[in-house]
Amino acid sequence: MQQRIAIARALAANPSILLMDEPFGALDEFTREKLNIELLRLWANPDTGLNTVVMVTHSIQESVLMSDRIVMMSPRPAKVQDIVSVPLSHPRQAEMQEHPEFLSTVREIRKQVKAL
């Protein structure tokens, strides 16, 4: 509930950019998925004025579902290691996580993370 309140508070200011650091990290998988889909819905709605969302996550699946581009950081000292374009269309739905293109993207990113 606190994550929803924090996001609502941030969105109340009608930002064009939303910065989020592990916003759903403490949630169970199903609640996390619901909030991810809700955030995608809000982001896609032109009435919100929300143009850009920058989200830090350690979940590869979450990053693929939520992102158009994934910026991969190297270990300490942190620097940009790679920027990966996500080839999934919009609107995004939870069911996309079962599609071959989604799974292929997750596998590719997992391979890159292991190589860091």
Foldseek 3Di string as FASTA:
>chain_A
DVLVVVVVVVLVVLDQEAEEECSCVVDDPVVSQVVLLVVLVLCPDVVSNHNYYHYHDPDLLSPLQNDQKDFDWDPPVTDGPDIDGRPDDPPGHPVCCPDPSSVVSSVVVVVVVVVD
